C-alpha atoms as a PDB file:
ATOM      1  CA  MET A   1     -12.803 -14.033  13.255  1.00  0.00           C
ATOM      2  CA  ALA A   2     -13.910 -11.388  15.738  1.00  0.00           C
ATOM      3  CA  ARG A   3     -12.580 -13.406  18.664  1.00  0.00           C
ATOM      4  CA  THR A   4      -9.183 -13.657  16.982  1.00  0.00           C
ATOM      5  CA  ILE A   5      -9.057  -9.904  16.460  1.00  0.00           C
ATOM      6  CA  ASP A   6     -10.165  -9.279  20.055  1.00  0.00           C
ATOM      7  CA  LEU A   7      -7.487 -11.603  21.380  1.00  0.00           C
ATOM      8  CA  GLU A   8      -4.815 -10.092  19.162  1.00  0.00           C
ATOM      9  CA  LEU A   9      -5.862  -6.588  20.174  1.00  0.00           C
ATOM     10  CA  THR A  10      -5.727  -7.485  23.859  1.00  0.00           C
ATOM     11  CA  ARG A  11      -2.294  -9.040  23.496  1.00  0.00           C
ATOM     12  CA  ALA A  12      -1.000  -5.983  21.646  1.00  0.00           C
ATOM     13  CA  GLU A  13      -2.303  -3.701  24.420  1.00  0.00           C
ATOM     14  CA  VAL A  14      -0.585  -5.844  27.045  1.00  0.00           C
ATOM     15  CA  GLU A  15       2.684  -5.786  25.107  1.00  0.00           C
ATOM     16  CA  VAL A  16       2.568  -1.987  24.875  1.00  0.00           C
ATOM     17  CA  ARG A  17       1.932  -1.674  28.616  1.00  0.00           C
ATOM     18  CA  GLU A  18       4.775  -4.078  29.392  1.00  0.00           C
ATOM     19  CA  LEU A  19       7.184  -2.113  27.206  1.00  0.00           C
ATOM     20  CA  GLU A  20       6.105   1.157  28.820  1.00  0.00           C
ATOM     21  CA  ALA A  21       6.672  -0.332  32.267  1.00  0.00           C
ATOM     22  CA  ARG A  22      10.068  -1.707  31.205  1.00  0.00           C
ATOM     23  CA  LEU A  23      11.050   1.691  29.797  1.00  0.00           C
ATOM     24  CA  ARG A  24      10.279   3.359  33.141  1.00  0.00           C
ATOM     25  CA  VAL A  25      12.793   1.200  35.018  1.00  0.00           C
ATOM     26  CA  VAL A  26      15.706   1.430  32.563  1.00  0.00           C
ATOM     27  CA  PRO A  27      18.901   2.680  34.264  1.00  0.00           C
ATOM     28  CA  MET A  28      19.765   6.292  33.442  1.00  0.00           C
ATOM     29  CA  ASN A  29      23.112   5.508  31.796  1.00  0.00           C
ATOM     30  CA  ASP A  30      21.861   2.650  29.578  1.00  0.00           C
ATOM     31  CA  ASN A  31      21.145   4.632  26.421  1.00  0.00           C
ATOM     32  CA  GLN A  32      21.327   1.633  24.101  1.00  0.00           C
ATOM     33  CA  LEU A  33      18.620  -0.301  25.964  1.00  0.00           C
ATOM     34  CA  SER A  34      16.490   2.810  26.317  1.00  0.00           C
ATOM     35  CA  GLU A  35      16.695   3.551  22.597  1.00  0.00           C
ATOM     36  CA  ALA A  36      15.888  -0.066  21.683  1.00  0.00           C
ATOM     37  CA  LEU A  37      12.851  -0.057  23.976  1.00  0.00           C
ATOM     38  CA  ARG A  38      11.618   3.237  22.511  1.00  0.00           C
ATOM     39  CA  THR A  39      11.918   1.840  18.987  1.00  0.00           C
ATOM     40  CA  ALA A  40      10.087  -1.348  19.953  1.00  0.00           C
ATOM     41  CA  LEU A  41       7.410   0.677  21.753  1.00  0.00           C
ATOM     42  CA  ALA A  42       6.842   2.861  18.691  1.00  0.00           C
ATOM     43  CA  ALA A  43       6.464  -0.242  16.501  1.00  0.00           C
ATOM     44  CA  LYS A  44       4.065  -1.876  18.974  1.00  0.00           C
ATOM     45  CA  LYS A  45       1.954   1.291  19.230  1.00  0.00           C
ATOM     46  CA  ASP A  46       1.767   1.490  15.438  1.00  0.00           C
ATOM     47  CA  ARG A  47       0.637  -2.146  15.273  1.00  0.00           C
ATOM     48  CA  LEU A  48      -1.893  -1.503  18.040  1.00  0.00           C
ATOM     49  CA  GLU A  49      -3.394   1.428  16.129  1.00  0.00           C
ATOM     50  CA  LYS A  50      -3.743  -0.742  13.005  1.00  0.00           C
ATOM     51  CA  LEU A  51      -5.425  -3.495  15.018  1.00  0.00           C
ATOM     52  CA  ARG A  52      -7.819  -0.988  16.573  1.00  0.00           C
ATOM     53  CA  ALA A  53      -8.738   0.293  13.124  1.00  0.00           C
ATOM     54  CA  ILE A  54      -9.376  -3.268  11.912  1.00  0.00           C
ATOM     55  CA  HIS A  55     -11.405  -4.005  15.027  1.00  0.00           C
ATOM     56  CA  ALA A  56     -13.480  -0.839  14.627  1.00  0.00           C
ATOM     57  CA  ALA A  57     -14.140  -1.631  10.964  1.00  0.00           C
ATOM     58  CA  GLY A  58     -15.199  -5.175  11.833  1.00  0.00           C
ATOM     59  CA  THR A  59     -17.762  -4.199  14.426  1.00  0.00           C
ATOM     60  CA  LYS A  60     -21.091  -3.057  13.110  1.00  0.00           C
ATOM     61  CA  PRO A  61     -23.527  -0.967  15.118  1.00  0.00           C
ATOM     62  CA  ARG A  62     -26.400  -3.104  16.274  1.00  0.00           C
ATOM     63  CA  PRO A  63     -29.922  -1.903  15.501  1.00  0.00           C
ATOM     64  CA  GLN A  64     -31.896  -0.664  18.483  1.00  0.00           C
ATOM     65  CA  ARG A  65     -34.648  -2.994  19.628  1.00  0.00           C
ATOM     66  CA  PRO A  66     -38.039  -1.350  20.137  1.00  0.00           C
ATOM     67  CA  ALA A  67     -38.818  -0.672  23.769  1.00  0.00           C
ATOM     68  CA  ALA A  68     -41.365  -2.966  25.372  1.00  0.00           C
ATOM     69  CA  VAL A  69     -44.661  -1.295  26.120  1.00  0.00           C
ATOM     70  CA  ASN A  70     -46.656  -2.158  29.222  1.00  0.00           C
ATOM     71  CA  PRO A  71     -50.145  -3.503  28.542  1.00  0.00           C
ATOM     72  CA  ASP A  72     -51.397  -0.902  31.033  1.00  0.00           C
ATOM     73  CA  GLY A  73     -50.370   1.790  28.586  1.00  0.00           C
ATOM     74  CA  ASP A  74     -48.309   3.867  31.012  1.00  0.00           C
ATOM     75  CA  GLY A  75     -45.256   3.529  28.730  1.00  0.00           C
ATOM     76  CA  SER A  76     -42.872   2.321  31.401  1.00  0.00           C
ATOM     77  CA  GLU A  77     -40.547  -0.523  30.489  1.00  0.00           C
ATOM     78  CA  LEU A  78     -41.295  -3.993  31.708  1.00  0.00           C
ATOM     79  CA  SER A  79     -39.289  -4.949  34.720  1.00  0.00           C
ATOM     80  CA  ARG A  80     -36.679  -7.527  33.942  1.00  0.00           C
ATOM     81  CA  LYS A  81     -36.702 -10.768  35.796  1.00  0.00           C
ATOM     82  CA  ILE A  82     -33.841 -10.914  38.268  1.00  0.00           C
ATOM     83  CA  PRO A  83     -31.720 -14.000  37.693  1.00  0.00           C
ATOM     84  CA  VAL A  84     -31.424 -16.545  40.462  1.00  0.00           C
ATOM     85  CA  HIS A  85     -27.803 -15.630  41.123  1.00  0.00           C
ATOM     86  CA  GLY A  86     -28.430 -11.886  40.941  1.00  0.00           C
ATOM     87  CA  GLY A  87     -29.849 -11.319  44.392  1.00  0.00           C
ATOM     88  CA  HIS A  88     -28.318 -11.684  47.823  1.00  0.00           C
ATOM     89  CA  ARG A  89     -27.113 -15.172  48.553  1.00  0.00           C
ATOM     90  CA  THR A  90     -26.969 -16.506  52.048  1.00  0.00           C
ATOM     91  CA  PRO A  91     -23.481 -17.649  52.929  1.00  0.00           C
ATOM     92  CA  LEU A  92     -22.833 -21.344  52.862  1.00  0.00           C
ATOM     93  CA  LYS A  93     -22.773 -22.935  56.279  1.00  0.00           C
ATOM     94  CA  ARG A  94     -19.617 -24.778  57.117  1.00  0.00           C
ATOM     95  CA  THR A  95     -19.851 -27.919  59.100  1.00  0.00           C
ATOM     96  CA  ILE A  96     -17.248 -28.026  61.834  1.00  0.00           C
ATOM     97  CA  PRO A  97     -16.710 -31.337  63.561  1.00  0.00           C
ATOM     98  CA  GLN A  98     -17.809 -30.971  67.160  1.00  0.00           C
ATOM     99  CA  ARG A  99     -15.742 -32.407  69.982  1.00  0.00           C
ATOM    100  CA  THR A 100     -17.356 -34.297  72.782  1.00  0.00           C
ATOM    101  CA  SER A 101     -18.088 -32.095  75.766  1.00  0.00           C
ATOM    102  CA  ALA A 102     -16.118 -34.141  78.360  1.00  0.00           C
ATOM    103  CA  PRO A 103     -13.301 -36.458  77.373  1.00  0.00           C
ATOM    104  CA  THR A 104     -13.467 -39.792  79.156  1.00  0.00           C
ATOM    105  CA  THR A 105     -10.599 -40.677  81.468  1.00  0.00           C
ATOM    106  CA  THR A 106      -9.357 -44.241  81.490  1.00  0.00           C
ATOM    107  CA  GLY A 107      -7.522 -44.105  84.761  1.00  0.00           C
ATOM    108  CA  LYS A 108      -4.539 -42.259  83.349  1.00  0.00           C
ATOM    109  CA  SER A 109      -3.589 -39.015  84.938  1.00  0.00           C
ATOM    110  CA  LYS A 110      -1.941 -36.184  83.062  1.00  0.00           C
ATOM    111  CA  THR A 111       0.074 -35.060  86.086  1.00  0.00           C
ATOM    112  CA  ARG A 112       3.449 -36.642  86.727  1.00  0.00           C
ATOM    113  CA  LYS A 113       4.296 -38.182  90.029  1.00  0.00           C
END
C-alpha cells in the first residue's frame, strides 16, 4: 500500500512540474490555453496536497534504537563495517589487442612503380 501511495505521489509531483513548465512557454496571446492550464494546475496541486496528507498519515515515526555502547565503556558508538563496495575501487583494466611490432613483408611493395 505504501509503495502505491509513494508512486502516486511521485507521479502527481511530476504532473504538476510538467504543467508549470508548459504554462511558462504558453504564447502571450493564447488566453484560452493559458486559462485551461491554470485550471488544470490548480486541480493537480489540490490532488497533490491530498496525496501528501494521505502519505503523511500513513507513515508512522519509527522508534529510536538504543545506541550501541562500547565494551570499553568510553560511550563512543561502534564503528560500522564498511561494505565491500563502499571504499575506493580500482578501475577495471581493459584488454586492448596488441599488434605485432613489425609486420612481415611477403615481397609486395607499397610503392607504385
